[in-house]
Protein backbone atom coordinates (compact mmCIF):
# COMPACT_ATOMS: atom_id res chain seq x y z
CA MET A 1 56.12 -89.77 78.78
CA THR A 2 55.25 -93.45 78.28
CA HIS A 3 53.71 -94.93 75.13
CA GLU A 4 50.49 -95.50 77.03
CA ALA A 5 50.37 -91.87 78.14
CA CYS A 6 50.87 -90.74 74.52
CA ILE A 7 47.97 -92.91 73.35
CA ASN A 8 45.81 -91.65 76.20
CA ALA A 9 46.50 -88.07 75.11
CA ILE A 10 45.44 -88.88 71.55
CA ILE A 11 42.18 -90.67 72.40
CA ASP A 12 41.13 -88.37 75.24
CA HIS A 13 38.14 -86.69 73.64
CA PRO A 14 34.45 -86.22 74.44
CA PHE A 15 33.58 -88.35 71.39
CA THR A 16 35.47 -91.30 72.93
CA ASP A 17 33.99 -90.61 76.39
CA HIS A 18 37.57 -89.75 77.42
CA ALA A 19 38.81 -93.25 76.72
CA THR A 20 42.13 -94.52 78.09
CA VAL A 21 44.23 -97.56 77.37
CA ALA A 22 43.28 -98.93 80.79
CA LYS A 23 39.54 -98.56 80.06
CA LEU A 24 39.93 -100.22 76.68
CA ARG A 25 41.81 -103.15 78.22
CA LYS A 26 38.88 -103.76 80.57
CA SER A 27 36.34 -103.57 77.73
CA GLY A 28 38.26 -105.86 75.37
CA GLY A 29 39.39 -102.96 73.19
CA ARG A 30 35.88 -101.84 72.30
CA ALA A 31 33.99 -98.70 73.25
CA ALA A 32 31.02 -96.90 71.77
CA LEU A 33 31.65 -93.44 70.36
CA GLN A 34 29.69 -90.68 72.05
CA THR A 35 28.50 -89.03 68.87
CA SER A 36 25.25 -88.81 66.99
CA HIS A 37 24.55 -90.93 63.92
CA VAL A 38 22.92 -87.80 62.48
CA ALA A 39 25.15 -84.98 61.25
CA TYR A 40 24.75 -81.70 63.13
CA PRO A 41 22.16 -82.95 65.68
CA THR A 42 22.17 -79.54 67.42
CA HIS A 43 21.69 -77.70 64.10
CA ALA A 44 24.79 -75.60 64.76
CA TYR A 45 26.34 -75.55 61.28
CA HIS A 46 29.88 -74.58 60.29
CA THR A 47 28.76 -71.66 58.15
CA PRO A 48 29.18 -67.90 58.65
CA SER A 49 25.49 -67.61 59.57
CA GLY A 50 25.37 -70.82 61.61
CA LYS A 51 22.48 -71.94 59.40
CA ILE A 52 22.12 -74.11 56.32
CA GLU A 53 23.19 -71.94 53.41
CA PHE A 54 21.84 -72.92 50.01
CA TYR A 55 23.85 -70.20 48.29
CA SER A 56 27.43 -70.16 49.55
CA LYS A 57 29.38 -66.95 49.00
CA ARG A 58 32.50 -68.57 50.46
CA ALA A 59 32.29 -71.36 47.87
CA GLU A 60 31.83 -68.83 45.08
CA GLN A 61 34.88 -66.83 46.24
CA ALA A 62 36.96 -70.02 46.26
CA GLY A 63 36.02 -70.98 42.71
CA LEU A 64 33.40 -73.57 43.66
CA PRO A 65 29.76 -73.59 42.52
CA PRO A 66 27.74 -71.51 45.01
CA LEU A 67 24.70 -73.71 44.37
CA PRO A 68 24.43 -77.49 43.75
CA GLU A 69 24.89 -78.16 40.06
CA PRO A 70 22.09 -79.94 38.15
CA ALA A 71 22.67 -83.14 36.23
CA ASP A 72 24.11 -82.53 32.79
CA GLU A 73 24.40 -84.49 29.55
CA ILE A 74 27.26 -86.58 30.98
CA VAL A 75 24.89 -88.02 33.57
CA ARG A 76 22.24 -88.64 30.92
CA ASP A 77 24.68 -90.45 28.63
CA PHE A 78 26.43 -92.33 31.47
CA PRO A 79 23.81 -92.75 34.20
CA LEU A 80 25.71 -94.93 36.68
CA THR A 81 27.74 -93.25 39.41
CA LEU A 82 31.01 -95.14 39.89
CA CYS A 83 32.38 -95.28 43.42
CA GLN A 84 35.56 -96.92 44.64
CA GLY A 85 36.74 -98.31 47.95
CA ARG A 86 39.10 -100.68 49.67
CA THR A 87 38.69 -104.18 51.03
CA ILE A 88 40.58 -106.02 53.74
CA THR A 89 42.17 -108.43 51.26
CA HIS A 90 43.60 -106.10 48.64
CA PHE A 91 46.96 -104.45 48.16
CA HIS A 92 46.83 -101.18 46.27
CA SER A 93 49.02 -101.86 43.20
CA PHE A 94 51.37 -104.11 45.20
CA TYR A 95 52.04 -107.75 44.34
CA ASP A 96 50.50 -107.44 40.88
CA GLN A 97 47.07 -106.32 42.17
CA GLY A 98 47.11 -109.05 44.78
CA GLN A 99 47.65 -111.79 42.21
CA ALA A 100 51.25 -112.66 43.13
CA LEU A 101 50.40 -113.93 46.61
CA PRO A 102 48.17 -117.04 46.57
CA SER A 103 46.33 -116.05 49.76
CA LEU A 104 45.39 -112.68 48.22
CA ALA A 105 44.78 -113.96 44.71
CA GLU A 106 42.11 -116.31 46.07
CA LYS A 107 40.16 -113.30 47.31
CA ASN A 108 41.04 -110.98 44.39
CA GLN A 109 40.44 -113.01 41.27
CA GLY A 110 39.73 -110.04 39.06
CA PRO A 111 37.95 -106.69 38.87
CA GLN A 112 34.32 -106.94 39.95
CA LEU A 113 31.74 -104.21 39.49
CA TRP A 114 29.03 -104.35 42.13
CA MET A 115 25.63 -103.19 40.96
CA SER A 116 21.97 -103.37 41.95
CA PRO A 117 19.53 -105.96 40.54
CA VAL A 118 17.52 -103.06 39.07
CA ASP A 119 20.47 -101.79 37.04
CA ALA A 120 21.52 -105.32 36.08
CA ASP A 121 18.03 -106.26 34.87
CA ALA A 122 17.80 -103.07 32.80
CA ARG A 123 21.00 -104.14 31.00
CA LYS A 124 20.14 -107.86 30.85
CA LEU A 125 23.14 -108.74 33.01
CA GLY A 126 23.57 -111.73 35.27
CA HIS A 127 25.85 -112.32 38.22
CA GLY A 128 29.32 -113.24 36.93
CA ASP A 129 28.81 -111.86 33.42
CA VAL A 130 31.80 -110.26 31.72
CA ILE A 131 31.00 -106.59 31.20
CA ARG A 132 32.41 -103.46 29.61
CA VAL A 133 32.52 -100.36 31.83
CA PHE A 134 32.91 -97.17 29.81
CA ASN A 135 32.34 -93.46 29.40
CA GLY A 136 33.69 -90.70 27.16
CA ARG A 137 37.22 -91.11 28.56
CA GLY A 138 37.78 -94.83 28.05
CA PHE A 139 36.72 -98.34 29.02
CA PHE A 140 37.80 -101.51 30.81
CA ALA A 141 36.50 -105.04 31.36
CA ALA A 142 35.18 -106.43 34.63
CA THR A 143 32.82 -109.04 36.06
CA ALA A 144 29.30 -108.14 37.17
CA CYS A 145 28.55 -108.69 40.85
CA ILE A 146 24.81 -108.29 41.45
CA SER A 147 23.89 -107.42 45.03
CA ASP A 148 20.78 -106.26 46.86
CA SER A 149 23.06 -104.10 49.02
CA MET A 150 23.65 -101.74 46.09
CA SER A 151 21.34 -98.80 45.41
CA ALA A 152 20.05 -98.31 41.88
CA GLY A 153 22.13 -95.83 39.92
CA THR A 154 25.34 -96.50 41.85
CA VAL A 155 28.05 -99.05 41.03
CA TRP A 156 31.09 -99.87 43.17
CA MET A 157 34.51 -101.38 42.58
CA ARG A 158 37.51 -102.06 44.73
CA ASP A 159 40.10 -99.45 43.87
CA GLY A 160 43.50 -100.16 42.36
CA TRP A 161 42.51 -102.44 39.48
CA ALA A 162 44.36 -101.80 36.24
CA GLY A 163 42.19 -99.91 33.78
CA LEU A 164 39.95 -98.28 36.37
CA ASN A 165 41.57 -94.88 35.93
CA ARG A 166 40.76 -94.94 32.23
CA VAL A 167 37.25 -93.74 33.06
CA THR A 168 38.18 -91.23 35.78
CA SER A 169 39.53 -87.72 35.27
CA GLY A 170 42.03 -87.49 38.13
CA SER A 171 41.34 -83.75 38.22
CA SER A 172 41.49 -81.80 41.47
CA VAL A 173 38.32 -82.00 43.54
CA LEU A 174 38.98 -78.60 45.08
CA PRO A 175 40.67 -75.48 43.71
CA LEU A 176 43.67 -74.27 45.71
CA GLU A 177 41.66 -71.36 47.10
CA ALA A 178 39.22 -73.78 48.79
CA LEU A 179 41.78 -75.93 50.61
CA THR A 180 41.79 -73.64 53.63
CA PHE A 181 38.13 -74.53 54.24
CA PHE A 182 39.06 -78.12 55.04
CA PRO A 183 41.68 -78.83 57.75
CA PHE A 184 44.19 -81.66 57.28
CA THR A 185 43.99 -81.71 53.50
CA VAL A 186 46.29 -80.81 50.64
CA GLY A 187 43.70 -81.55 47.97
CA GLN A 188 42.42 -84.71 46.40
CA SER A 189 42.06 -86.07 42.89
CA ASN A 190 38.65 -86.99 41.55
CA TYR A 191 38.43 -90.74 41.07
CA GLY A 192 34.68 -90.88 40.77
CA ALA A 193 32.99 -91.03 37.37
CA GLN A 194 29.73 -91.42 35.52
CA VAL A 195 29.76 -94.67 33.50
CA GLU A 196 27.63 -97.05 31.50
CA VAL A 197 27.83 -100.84 31.51
CA VAL A 198 27.12 -103.32 28.71
CA PRO A 199 27.64 -107.08 28.42
CA VAL A 200 30.66 -108.38 26.52
CA SER A 201 29.60 -110.75 23.77
CA PRO A 202 31.09 -114.27 24.17
């Protein structure tokens, strides 16, 4: 079997409209996915009943909450939901957080916490201010990046910066009993967190 035939076998799927290497060559390597932007557009859900289940017996049996859990005192004390992600210019822990290579260091000058203007105004923060990100586990310093693209109540940072894991638990997201519910997974650590942000005095 040729390399092209192997790739064709991998990408041959209804969602790709049965794409092939030859078709992608003709289209410049681009093709629209044949899938809905809305989850479960046919309302056929992957549950025992085939319906939306508000109380999940399977979750309960696997050690997960059978119902969504309400906000607790941690959320009240640390109201910002910290999310992490990757960017095209970062190396995860390689080359001294991207500082050792000049081309990467130019794009990764230090940890930045993206946040909404609403959250920044409530904390009297300006774009570029040095801030302290903290919760009950620990804290670290960063620079505020104010953006209209952020939703109030959520902050975002590129993952891999030193100190970021001081505020996360690293605990398992799923108990071992629940791993069989999700194909292609061996479990994942929780690197999300609830945090608060304050300015660092000059």
